[in-house]
């Protein structure tokens, strides 16, 4: 059982992708019956899967975030442990949005995620003083552009209450908080170490 668990952990990004492929096959078989929001959600789902691979290429994103901010060598971690939280978050958020398209706030939550990714990767260039783009930048920017376009399409074709946006924001924040808590737990980080590491990075980047 332990070997199976380690295998699933190590290959969680591939398993996450396999679940997406399952959704894609289901959508292809039922395309004419899908609602507009389901089609838009599936498109963003595809972008996010590509984004996870771009971020993970040669572990550049882990080296940047864990190394520079947290002072943790990603090579010392169990393979896959640093990505399992993201895999669960993505699979859950997009699956419920596809299953319950009438609940527009679930779709808004994933579209907010798409825009957020674009913002974070652009901020990363500034914060880390990168000479080029941050790992995952290309797909993050395209994903943000797609999300904005999807919101425009929804506003032009669907009538909905503004409260849907409030629930969408709350859903995004709740899921993101759970993601971060699980991520820090999985890599063995503590609140004290997080505070110390962030303060150190802030002082190094901006001075006291």
Protein backbone atom coordinates (compact mmCIF):
# COMPACT_ATOMS: atom_id res chain seq x y z
CA UNK A 1 0.00 0.00 0.00
CA UNK A 2 2.86 2.36 0.78
CA UNK A 3 4.35 1.84 -2.68
CA UNK A 4 0.99 2.53 -4.30
CA UNK A 5 0.63 5.69 -2.22
CA UNK A 6 4.09 6.91 -3.23
CA UNK A 7 3.35 6.10 -6.87
CA UNK A 8 0.12 8.11 -6.78
CA UNK A 9 1.88 10.97 -5.00
CA UNK A 10 4.78 11.04 -7.45
CA UNK A 11 2.48 10.94 -10.48
CA UNK A 12 -0.30 13.19 -9.18
CA UNK A 13 0.07 15.67 -12.05
CA UNK A 14 -0.42 12.85 -14.55
CA UNK A 15 -3.43 11.52 -12.66
CA UNK A 16 -4.85 15.04 -12.57
CA UNK A 17 -4.36 15.20 -16.34
CA UNK A 18 -6.03 11.81 -16.79
CA UNK A 19 -9.11 13.09 -14.96
CA UNK A 20 -9.16 16.12 -17.25
CA UNK A 21 -8.95 13.84 -20.28
CA UNK A 22 -11.96 11.95 -18.91
CA UNK A 23 -13.90 15.21 -18.68
CA UNK A 24 -12.77 16.17 -22.20
CA UNK A 25 -13.96 12.86 -23.66
CA UNK A 26 -17.30 13.24 -21.84
CA UNK A 27 -17.64 16.79 -23.20
CA UNK A 28 -16.79 15.72 -26.75
CA UNK A 29 -19.46 13.01 -26.61
CA UNK A 30 -22.08 15.45 -25.27
CA UNK A 31 -20.92 18.74 -26.81
CA UNK A 32 -24.28 19.70 -28.32
CA UNK A 33 -26.00 19.22 -24.96
CA UNK A 34 -23.48 21.17 -22.88
CA UNK A 35 -24.34 24.59 -21.51
CA UNK A 36 -22.23 27.59 -22.49
CA UNK A 37 -20.63 27.84 -19.05
CA UNK A 38 -19.56 24.19 -19.19
CA UNK A 39 -17.81 24.75 -22.52
CA UNK A 40 -16.06 27.85 -21.17
CA UNK A 41 -15.06 26.04 -17.98
CA UNK A 42 -13.61 23.14 -19.94
CA UNK A 43 -11.54 25.55 -22.05
CA UNK A 44 -10.01 27.12 -18.94
CA UNK A 45 -9.48 23.64 -17.48
CA UNK A 46 -7.33 22.80 -20.51
CA UNK A 47 -5.28 25.98 -20.11
CA UNK A 48 -4.69 25.27 -16.43
CA UNK A 49 -3.47 21.73 -17.12
CA UNK A 50 -0.95 23.13 -19.61
CA UNK A 51 0.01 25.76 -17.05
CA UNK A 52 0.82 23.13 -14.42
CA UNK A 53 3.24 21.43 -16.80
CA UNK A 54 4.89 24.70 -17.78
CA UNK A 55 5.36 25.64 -14.12
CA UNK A 56 6.73 22.22 -13.29
CA UNK A 57 9.21 22.05 -16.19
CA UNK A 58 12.60 21.20 -14.64
CA UNK A 59 11.09 22.24 -11.26
CA UNK A 60 11.81 25.90 -12.06
CA UNK A 61 8.74 27.19 -10.23
CA UNK A 62 9.49 25.13 -7.11
CA UNK A 63 13.07 26.33 -7.10
CA UNK A 64 11.88 29.92 -7.34
CA UNK A 65 9.14 29.82 -4.70
CA UNK A 66 10.47 27.29 -2.20
CA UNK A 67 14.11 28.22 -2.61
CA UNK A 68 14.00 32.00 -2.64
CA UNK A 69 11.00 32.63 -0.40
CA UNK A 70 10.89 29.68 2.00
CA UNK A 71 14.54 28.66 1.96
CA UNK A 72 13.56 25.04 1.27
CA UNK A 73 15.48 22.83 -1.17
CA UNK A 74 12.78 21.17 -3.28
CA UNK A 75 15.16 18.26 -3.97
CA UNK A 76 14.89 17.22 -0.32
CA UNK A 77 11.11 16.74 -0.58
CA UNK A 78 9.31 13.51 -1.45
CA UNK A 79 8.58 13.60 -5.22
CA UNK A 80 5.08 14.95 -5.86
CA UNK A 81 4.48 16.16 -2.32
CA UNK A 82 4.70 19.82 -3.33
CA UNK A 83 2.07 19.47 -6.07
CA UNK A 84 -0.60 17.22 -4.59
CA UNK A 85 -2.49 20.16 -3.04
CA UNK A 86 -2.70 21.94 -6.40
CA UNK A 87 -3.81 18.75 -8.14
CA UNK A 88 -6.65 18.22 -5.66
CA UNK A 89 -7.68 21.88 -5.80
CA UNK A 90 -7.81 21.98 -9.61
CA UNK A 91 -9.65 18.68 -9.89
CA UNK A 92 -12.22 19.63 -7.27
CA UNK A 93 -12.87 23.22 -8.40
CA UNK A 94 -13.30 22.39 -12.07
CA UNK A 95 -15.24 19.17 -11.49
CA UNK A 96 -17.92 20.88 -9.37
CA UNK A 97 -18.13 23.75 -11.89
CA UNK A 98 -18.73 21.24 -14.69
CA UNK A 99 -21.20 19.19 -12.67
CA UNK A 100 -23.29 22.16 -11.51
CA UNK A 101 -23.29 24.69 -14.38
CA UNK A 102 -26.52 26.29 -13.12
CA UNK A 103 -24.55 27.50 -10.08
CA UNK A 104 -22.73 30.26 -11.93
CA UNK A 105 -20.69 31.23 -8.88
CA UNK A 106 -18.75 27.95 -9.24
CA UNK A 107 -17.77 28.99 -12.76
CA UNK A 108 -16.83 32.47 -11.56
CA UNK A 109 -14.56 30.93 -8.91
CA UNK A 110 -12.43 29.16 -11.53
CA UNK A 111 -12.41 32.20 -13.83
CA UNK A 112 -11.11 34.29 -10.93
CA UNK A 113 -8.38 31.69 -10.50
CA UNK A 114 -7.43 32.12 -14.16
CA UNK A 115 -7.10 35.90 -13.79
CA UNK A 116 -5.27 35.50 -10.48
CA UNK A 117 -2.64 33.26 -12.06
CA UNK A 118 -1.86 35.89 -14.68
CA UNK A 119 -1.54 38.58 -12.01
CA UNK A 120 0.70 36.47 -9.76
CA UNK A 121 3.12 35.54 -12.53
CA UNK A 122 3.51 39.14 -13.63
CA UNK A 123 4.10 40.20 -10.03
CA UNK A 124 6.68 37.41 -9.74
CA UNK A 125 8.84 39.06 -12.38
CA UNK A 126 8.97 42.22 -10.25
CA UNK A 127 9.32 40.54 -6.85
CA UNK A 128 12.11 38.19 -7.91
CA UNK A 129 13.82 40.71 -10.21
CA UNK A 130 13.76 38.23 -13.05
CA UNK A 131 15.53 39.08 -16.29
CA UNK A 132 12.98 37.03 -18.22
CA UNK A 133 9.50 35.75 -17.50
CA UNK A 134 8.55 33.70 -14.45
CA UNK A 135 8.12 29.92 -14.81
CA UNK A 136 4.62 29.33 -16.16
CA UNK A 137 4.22 32.94 -17.38
CA UNK A 138 3.15 32.18 -20.94
CA UNK A 139 0.23 29.95 -20.09
CA UNK A 140 -0.69 32.12 -17.09
CA UNK A 141 -1.08 35.22 -19.26
CA UNK A 142 -3.04 33.33 -21.92
CA UNK A 143 -5.19 31.80 -19.21
CA UNK A 144 -5.95 35.23 -17.73
CA UNK A 145 -6.86 36.56 -21.17
CA UNK A 146 -9.14 33.57 -21.75
CA UNK A 147 -10.82 34.08 -18.37
CA UNK A 148 -11.54 37.74 -19.12
CA UNK A 149 -12.92 36.79 -22.53
CA UNK A 150 -15.11 34.08 -20.93
CA UNK A 151 -16.54 36.61 -18.48
CA UNK A 152 -17.42 38.93 -21.38
CA UNK A 153 -19.13 36.04 -23.19
CA UNK A 154 -21.12 35.12 -20.08
CA UNK A 155 -22.21 38.74 -19.52
CA UNK A 156 -23.41 38.99 -23.11
CA UNK A 157 -25.33 35.73 -23.12
CA UNK A 158 -26.52 34.99 -19.59
CA UNK A 159 -28.61 37.02 -17.18
CA UNK A 160 -27.60 36.50 -13.57
CA UNK A 161 -27.65 38.15 -10.16
CA UNK A 162 -24.60 40.10 -9.03
CA UNK A 163 -24.55 38.06 -5.80
CA UNK A 164 -23.12 35.22 -7.91
CA UNK A 165 -19.84 37.15 -8.04
CA UNK A 166 -19.72 37.45 -4.25
CA UNK A 167 -20.18 33.70 -3.83
CA UNK A 168 -17.61 33.12 -6.56
CA UNK A 169 -15.02 35.26 -4.77
CA UNK A 170 -15.73 33.53 -1.46
CA UNK A 171 -15.46 30.13 -3.13
CA UNK A 172 -12.11 31.07 -4.67
CA UNK A 173 -10.75 32.42 -1.39
CA UNK A 174 -11.91 29.38 0.60
CA UNK A 175 -10.40 26.91 -1.89
CA UNK A 176 -7.17 28.89 -2.15
CA UNK A 177 -6.82 29.03 1.63
CA UNK A 178 -7.32 25.27 1.86
CA UNK A 179 -4.76 24.82 -0.92
CA UNK A 180 -2.14 26.89 0.89
CA UNK A 181 -2.75 25.21 4.25
CA UNK A 182 -2.46 21.75 2.69
CA UNK A 183 0.60 22.76 0.66
CA UNK A 184 2.48 24.06 3.70
CA UNK A 185 1.45 20.98 5.70
CA UNK A 186 2.64 18.60 2.98
CA UNK A 187 6.08 20.22 2.70
CA UNK A 188 6.43 20.22 6.49
CA UNK A 189 6.43 23.99 6.88
CA UNK A 190 5.25 25.77 10.04
CA UNK A 191 3.59 29.13 10.58
CA UNK A 192 6.67 30.39 12.42
CA UNK A 193 8.96 29.39 9.57
CA UNK A 194 6.61 31.00 7.02
CA UNK A 195 6.63 34.30 8.90
CA UNK A 196 10.41 34.22 9.29
CA UNK A 197 11.01 33.28 5.65
CA UNK A 198 8.64 35.90 4.26
CA UNK A 199 10.17 38.59 6.49
CA UNK A 200 13.66 37.60 5.34
CA UNK A 201 12.67 37.69 1.69
CA UNK A 202 10.94 41.06 2.14
CA UNK A 203 14.05 42.52 3.75
CA UNK A 204 16.30 41.13 1.02
CA UNK A 205 14.04 42.46 -1.74
CA UNK A 206 12.99 45.84 -0.35
CA UNK A 207 15.36 46.46 2.54
CA UNK A 208 14.35 47.17 6.12
